[in-house]
Amino acid sequence: MSVCGIGAVVTEREGRPVITNVLTNSPAQQAGLIPYDEIVQIDDKKIDGLKLADVVKLIRGPAGTVVKILVVRAGQYPPESFEVKRAVVQLWTR
């Protein structure tokens, strides 16, 4: 299955969206995102109170477009901003 996105698995931990896996050679990996990055903002939109599915919808989009993701990385402050160019990403194969 493939989607247009950044190539990162996002799950909810303690009510907050967290990147739990970054696919090899994905746009997310190339931009520098890593597991355990906590997402706090997408394209200048604060995501407090959004459901995980809505956060994922904001991250996904047409291939070739850029999404700006603000994350809090464990042990680091202030939050760090990443610009990631969306691409068709293969999620898994049979």
Protein backbone atom coordinates (compact mmCIF):
# COMPACT_ATOMS: atom_id res chain seq x y z
CA MET A 1 0.00 0.00 0.00
CA SER A 2 1.25 3.48 -0.76
CA VAL A 3 0.19 6.97 0.36
CA CYS A 4 1.33 10.52 -0.26
CA GLY A 5 3.01 11.57 2.95
CA ILE A 6 6.35 11.86 4.68
CA GLY A 7 7.15 8.23 5.54
CA ALA A 8 6.72 8.35 9.30
CA VAL A 9 4.46 6.32 11.56
CA VAL A 10 2.62 8.55 14.03
CA THR A 11 0.86 7.17 17.10
CA GLU A 12 -0.65 8.68 20.19
CA ARG A 13 1.25 8.59 23.47
CA GLU A 14 -0.21 10.17 26.57
CA GLY A 15 -2.65 12.07 24.38
CA ARG A 16 0.00 13.55 22.09
CA PRO A 17 1.02 12.58 18.53
CA VAL A 18 4.49 11.05 18.49
CA ILE A 19 6.57 9.71 15.62
CA THR A 20 7.23 6.07 16.46
CA ASN A 21 8.95 4.96 13.26
CA VAL A 22 10.66 6.67 10.34
CA LEU A 23 10.87 4.66 7.13
CA THR A 24 14.30 4.21 5.56
CA ASN A 25 15.03 6.67 2.72
CA SER A 26 11.74 8.46 3.35
CA PRO A 27 11.23 12.23 3.19
CA ALA A 28 10.92 12.22 7.01
CA GLN A 29 14.30 10.53 7.41
CA GLN A 30 15.93 12.83 4.86
CA ALA A 31 14.57 15.88 6.72
CA GLY A 32 15.97 14.62 10.05
CA LEU A 33 12.85 13.49 11.91
CA ILE A 34 13.46 10.62 14.35
CA PRO A 35 11.40 8.27 16.52
CA TYR A 36 10.01 9.82 19.71
CA ASP A 37 9.74 13.29 18.18
CA GLU A 38 6.52 14.75 19.61
CA ILE A 39 4.54 16.72 17.03
CA VAL A 40 3.23 20.02 18.39
CA GLN A 41 2.39 22.00 15.25
CA ILE A 42 1.78 21.37 11.55
CA ASP A 43 1.98 24.20 8.99
CA ASP A 44 1.66 26.88 11.69
CA LYS A 45 -1.46 25.15 13.08
CA LYS A 46 -1.38 24.09 16.70
CA ILE A 47 -2.73 20.59 17.02
CA ASP A 48 -3.78 20.51 20.68
CA GLY A 49 -7.08 18.69 20.97
CA LEU A 50 -7.02 17.17 17.48
CA LYS A 51 -7.62 13.46 17.07
CA LEU A 52 -4.74 11.38 15.73
CA ALA A 53 -6.56 10.78 12.43
CA ASP A 54 -6.86 14.55 11.92
CA VAL A 55 -3.16 15.05 12.64
CA VAL A 56 -2.29 12.40 10.04
CA LYS A 57 -4.59 14.11 7.50
CA LEU A 58 -2.67 17.37 8.02
CA ILE A 59 0.65 15.61 7.45
CA ARG A 60 -0.45 13.80 4.29
CA GLY A 61 -1.01 15.70 1.07
CA PRO A 62 -0.13 15.84 -2.61
CA ALA A 63 3.31 14.54 -3.57
CA GLY A 64 5.81 17.34 -4.10
CA THR A 65 4.20 19.73 -1.61
CA VAL A 66 5.96 20.75 1.60
CA VAL A 67 4.63 20.34 5.12
CA LYS A 68 6.23 22.15 8.06
CA ILE A 69 6.29 20.10 11.26
CA LEU A 70 7.28 21.49 14.65
CA VAL A 71 8.47 18.82 17.09
CA VAL A 72 9.72 18.58 20.63
CA ARG A 73 12.65 16.23 20.80
CA ALA A 74 13.36 14.42 24.08
CA GLY A 75 15.68 16.47 26.24
CA GLN A 76 15.75 19.45 23.89
CA TYR A 77 14.07 22.81 23.99
CA PRO A 78 12.92 24.90 22.15
CA PRO A 79 10.91 22.88 19.63
CA GLU A 80 12.58 22.26 16.28
CA SER A 81 10.98 22.92 12.90
CA PHE A 82 11.33 20.59 9.89
CA GLU A 83 10.18 21.18 6.33
CA VAL A 84 9.39 17.87 4.66
CA LYS A 85 8.53 17.38 0.98
CA ARG A 86 5.71 14.86 0.67
CA ALA A 87 6.16 11.90 -1.66
CA VAL A 88 4.48 8.64 -2.57
CA VAL A 89 5.60 6.32 0.21
CA GLN A 90 5.32 2.54 0.16
CA LEU A 91 3.98 1.46 3.56
CA TRP A 92 4.33 -2.26 3.12
CA THR A 93 4.54 -4.99 0.52
CA ARG A 94 3.22 -8.51 0.33
